[in-house]
Amino acid sequence: MRKRSWSNAHVASQTIRLTLLIGFLINIHILIGFNINISPMTNQPICHSGGRPGLYRKISSLFNLIVFGSVPSLCMLFFGSLTLRQIDRKNDFQIIIGTYTKKVRKIRKSERQLTRMLLVQVLIYSTTGLMFTIAFIILAKNSNRQKTIVDIAKENLIIAIVGMLSNTGPCSSFYLFTLSSKRFRKELKRPFRRFVQRQIQIQMSNCNSWATPVDSTIRESNIPKNIL
């Protein structure tokens, strides 16, 4: 099977489904390791943000460091570099040295922009992902310490803030390509245009369905009564 055969919409959709399934299976331990307990000091329900204190929290922090902090950034850098190298080879094959100087400069400029975009994506994702996992590791080290409900609330607040910041990594690709790529913006506008056109067609069909009985009523009213 040729490599080019993998580059199609069907393979992409199947890969997305497989990724969602793997992501669900990876995080299924949360249903087992996270419990809502009753604090003996206040008799109020509490939930530790990092999971049960002890061995599970330490394993979970290392798991987050590998799965969410390191692997995605390395995969982005690896596959992104392969993509850029393939683009560079394709351009070198198409361009004849010494001709079309403006075209060559434009292509090289696009390659530099793609490289910068890749590095920015990896930097943002790795920074936010490592920030999230480091917070989990720090909380895991302090899991054996006796804590009040205020301390647990502070930990939950820290995890909530760091977790919200970690979402900027996966979302940065969308905004980065939207701001920098004219073609991406064009493809993004296409479904919205289709939706608007579909709504206009529905409204026009509804107007026509309402106008038909009204027109027939007007025609009947114009007929003389002696004929009826």
Protein backbone atom coordinates (compact mmCIF):
# COMPACT_ATOMS: atom_id res chain seq x y z
CA MET A 1 0.00 0.00 0.00
CA ARG A 2 1.37 3.38 -0.98
CA LYS A 3 1.77 6.13 1.60
CA ARG A 4 -0.36 8.52 -0.46
CA SER A 5 -3.36 6.19 -0.09
CA TRP A 6 -3.46 7.03 3.63
CA SER A 7 -4.03 10.70 2.84
CA ASN A 8 -7.81 10.86 2.42
CA ALA A 9 -10.89 11.91 4.35
CA HIS A 10 -11.98 8.34 5.16
CA VAL A 11 -8.70 7.48 6.87
CA ALA A 12 -8.79 10.80 8.76
CA SER A 13 -12.33 10.18 10.05
CA GLN A 14 -11.45 6.64 11.15
CA THR A 15 -8.32 7.93 12.88
CA ILE A 16 -10.37 10.53 14.77
CA ARG A 17 -12.79 7.83 15.96
CA LEU A 18 -9.91 5.62 17.04
CA THR A 19 -8.27 8.52 18.88
CA LEU A 20 -11.50 9.28 20.76
CA LEU A 21 -11.82 5.63 21.77
CA ILE A 22 -8.22 5.45 22.97
CA GLY A 23 -8.63 8.72 24.88
CA PHE A 24 -11.70 7.32 26.63
CA LEU A 25 -9.92 4.07 27.54
CA ILE A 26 -6.86 5.94 28.80
CA ASN A 27 -8.96 8.08 31.17
CA ILE A 28 -11.29 5.32 32.36
CA HIS A 29 -9.19 4.97 35.52
CA ILE A 30 -10.75 8.24 36.73
CA LEU A 31 -14.03 6.39 37.32
CA ILE A 32 -12.18 4.05 39.68
CA GLY A 33 -9.53 6.22 41.30
CA PHE A 34 -11.58 9.33 42.13
CA ASN A 35 -13.94 9.14 45.10
CA ILE A 36 -16.16 11.61 46.91
CA ASN A 37 -15.37 11.24 50.60
CA ILE A 38 -16.70 12.80 53.79
CA SER A 39 -14.22 14.99 55.63
CA PRO A 40 -13.97 13.89 59.31
CA MET A 41 -13.28 17.47 60.38
CA THR A 42 -16.28 19.16 58.79
CA ASN A 43 -18.52 16.24 57.75
CA GLN A 44 -18.66 17.80 54.28
CA PRO A 45 -18.20 15.89 51.00
CA ILE A 46 -14.80 16.44 49.39
CA CYS A 47 -13.12 15.17 46.23
CA HIS A 48 -9.35 15.24 45.85
CA SER A 49 -8.44 16.78 42.50
CA GLY A 50 -5.53 14.40 41.95
CA GLY A 51 -7.37 11.25 42.93
CA ARG A 52 -7.01 9.15 46.04
CA PRO A 53 -3.99 10.17 48.14
CA GLY A 54 -1.19 7.64 48.14
CA LEU A 55 0.13 5.29 45.48
CA TYR A 56 -2.66 5.96 42.98
CA ARG A 57 -1.98 9.71 42.95
CA LYS A 58 1.76 9.17 42.40
CA ILE A 59 1.16 6.74 39.54
CA SER A 60 -1.46 9.09 38.07
CA SER A 61 0.95 12.05 38.17
CA LEU A 62 3.65 10.09 36.34
CA PHE A 63 1.03 8.83 33.89
CA ASN A 64 -0.05 12.42 33.16
CA LEU A 65 3.58 13.47 32.73
CA ILE A 66 4.14 10.80 30.07
CA VAL A 67 0.78 10.73 28.28
CA PHE A 68 -0.20 14.41 28.41
CA GLY A 69 3.07 16.23 29.01
CA SER A 70 5.71 14.53 26.86
CA VAL A 71 4.22 12.19 24.24
CA PRO A 72 1.93 14.72 22.45
CA SER A 73 4.68 17.32 22.12
CA LEU A 74 7.19 14.79 20.81
CA CYS A 75 4.64 13.39 18.35
CA MET A 76 3.77 16.88 17.12
CA LEU A 77 7.44 17.71 16.62
CA PHE A 78 8.21 14.38 14.91
CA PHE A 79 5.28 14.20 12.50
CA GLY A 80 5.39 17.94 11.86
CA SER A 81 9.06 17.69 10.91
CA LEU A 82 8.28 14.80 8.56
CA THR A 83 5.53 16.85 6.94
CA LEU A 84 7.79 19.86 6.46
CA ARG A 85 10.53 17.67 5.02
CA GLN A 86 8.07 16.13 2.57
CA ILE A 87 6.91 19.60 1.50
CA ASP A 88 10.52 20.69 1.06
CA ARG A 89 11.30 17.66 -1.11
CA LYS A 90 8.22 18.26 -3.23
CA ASN A 91 9.18 21.90 -3.78
CA ASP A 92 12.77 20.99 -4.64
CA PHE A 93 11.49 18.51 -7.19
CA GLN A 94 9.21 21.04 -8.85
CA ILE A 95 11.54 24.03 -8.88
CA ILE A 96 14.37 24.33 -11.36
CA ILE A 97 17.38 26.05 -9.87
CA GLY A 98 18.01 29.46 -11.41
CA THR A 99 14.50 30.05 -12.75
CA TYR A 100 11.33 31.52 -11.27
CA THR A 101 13.26 33.37 -8.58
CA LYS A 102 10.16 35.06 -7.16
CA LYS A 103 8.34 31.75 -6.94
CA VAL A 104 11.30 30.17 -5.15
CA ARG A 105 11.43 33.00 -2.64
CA LYS A 106 7.71 32.71 -2.02
CA ILE A 107 7.96 28.96 -1.43
CA ARG A 108 10.92 29.35 0.92
CA LYS A 109 9.07 32.03 2.83
CA SER A 110 6.07 29.71 3.20
CA GLU A 111 8.35 26.95 4.46
CA ARG A 112 9.85 29.25 7.09
CA GLN A 113 6.37 30.30 8.19
CA LEU A 114 5.28 26.66 8.52
CA THR A 115 8.40 25.90 10.56
CA ARG A 116 7.72 28.80 12.91
CA MET A 117 4.08 27.76 13.25
CA LEU A 118 5.15 24.22 14.14
CA LEU A 119 7.65 25.42 16.76
CA VAL A 120 5.08 27.77 18.29
CA GLN A 121 2.51 24.97 18.48
CA VAL A 122 4.96 22.58 20.13
CA LEU A 123 6.15 25.27 22.55
CA ILE A 124 2.62 26.23 23.63
CA TYR A 125 1.44 22.64 23.96
CA SER A 126 4.53 21.45 25.85
CA THR A 127 4.50 24.45 28.21
CA THR A 128 0.84 24.15 29.14
CA GLY A 129 0.94 20.34 29.28
CA LEU A 130 4.03 20.22 31.48
CA MET A 131 2.56 22.90 33.74
CA PHE A 132 -0.48 20.68 34.29
CA THR A 133 1.54 17.53 35.00
CA ILE A 134 4.02 19.31 37.27
CA ALA A 135 1.12 20.58 39.38
CA PHE A 136 -0.11 16.99 39.72
CA ILE A 137 3.36 15.80 40.76
CA ILE A 138 3.64 18.50 43.44
CA LEU A 139 0.23 17.58 44.80
CA ALA A 140 1.17 13.90 44.78
CA LYS A 141 4.27 14.60 46.89
CA ASN A 142 2.13 16.40 49.47
CA SER A 143 -0.65 13.79 49.44
CA ASN A 144 0.43 12.15 52.71
CA ARG A 145 0.26 15.41 54.64
CA GLN A 146 -2.79 16.02 56.83
CA LYS A 147 -4.99 18.59 55.11
CA THR A 148 -7.99 20.65 56.03
CA ILE A 149 -10.92 21.27 53.75
CA VAL A 150 -9.43 24.69 52.94
CA ASP A 151 -6.18 23.06 51.75
CA ILE A 152 -8.14 20.65 49.57
CA ALA A 153 -10.13 23.56 48.14
CA LYS A 154 -6.89 25.37 47.30
CA GLU A 155 -5.56 22.27 45.55
CA ASN A 156 -8.77 21.95 43.55
CA LEU A 157 -8.53 25.62 42.57
CA ILE A 158 -4.92 25.20 41.41
CA ILE A 159 -5.81 22.14 39.34
CA ALA A 160 -8.81 23.95 37.83
CA ILE A 161 -6.70 26.98 36.81
CA VAL A 162 -3.82 24.91 35.45
CA GLY A 163 -6.25 22.58 33.68
CA MET A 164 -7.97 25.52 32.02
CA LEU A 165 -4.60 26.87 30.86
CA SER A 166 -3.64 23.44 29.52
CA ASN A 167 -6.61 23.58 27.14
CA THR A 168 -4.96 26.46 25.28
CA GLY A 169 -2.42 24.02 23.85
CA PRO A 170 -4.83 21.88 21.80
CA CYS A 171 -6.92 24.94 20.89
CA SER A 172 -3.95 26.99 19.70
CA SER A 173 -3.72 25.07 16.41
CA PHE A 174 -7.20 26.17 15.37
CA TYR A 175 -6.62 29.86 16.07
CA LEU A 176 -3.09 29.78 14.66
CA PHE A 177 -4.17 28.33 11.32
CA THR A 178 -7.27 30.52 11.20
CA LEU A 179 -5.21 33.68 11.58
CA SER A 180 -2.37 32.67 9.26
CA SER A 181 -3.92 30.60 6.47
CA LYS A 182 -6.25 32.12 3.89
CA ARG A 183 -7.21 28.69 2.59
CA PHE A 184 -8.08 27.49 6.08
CA ARG A 185 -10.31 30.52 6.61
CA LYS A 186 -12.00 29.79 3.29
CA GLU A 187 -12.68 26.18 4.28
CA LEU A 188 -13.92 27.34 7.67
CA LYS A 189 -16.41 29.76 6.12
CA ARG A 190 -17.80 27.14 3.73
CA PRO A 191 -19.97 25.19 6.25
CA PHE A 192 -21.36 28.44 7.66
CA ARG A 193 -22.32 29.58 4.17
CA ARG A 194 -23.99 26.25 3.49
CA PHE A 195 -25.89 26.52 6.76
CA VAL A 196 -27.09 30.05 5.94
CA GLN A 197 -28.12 29.03 2.43
CA ARG A 198 -30.01 26.03 3.79
CA GLN A 199 -31.85 28.23 6.29
CA ILE A 200 -32.77 30.68 3.53
CA GLN A 201 -34.11 27.84 1.38
CA ILE A 202 -36.17 26.51 4.30
CA GLN A 203 -37.63 29.95 4.97
CA MET A 204 -38.44 30.45 1.29
CA SER A 205 -40.15 27.06 1.11
CA ASN A 206 -42.16 27.90 4.23
CA CYS A 207 -43.17 31.23 2.72
CA ASN A 208 -44.26 29.50 -0.48
CA SER A 209 -46.31 26.96 1.45
CA TRP A 210 -48.05 29.76 3.33
CA ALA A 211 -48.56 31.85 0.19
CA THR A 212 -50.28 29.08 -1.82
CA PRO A 213 -53.57 28.88 0.17
CA VAL A 214 -53.70 32.66 0.39
CA ASP A 215 -53.43 32.98 -3.40
CA SER A 216 -56.17 30.40 -3.92
CA THR A 217 -58.42 32.27 -1.50
CA ILE A 218 -57.83 35.52 -3.37
CA ARG A 219 -58.68 33.86 -6.68
CA GLU A 220 -61.93 32.44 -5.28
CA SER A 221 -62.92 35.83 -3.87
CA ASN A 222 -62.50 37.41 -7.32
CA ILE A 223 -64.95 34.97 -8.93
CA PRO A 224 -68.52 36.42 -9.22
CA LYS A 225 -71.02 34.90 -6.81
CA ASN A 226 -73.58 34.11 -9.54
CA ILE A 227 -71.00 31.83 -11.19
CA LEU A 228 -70.40 30.07 -7.91
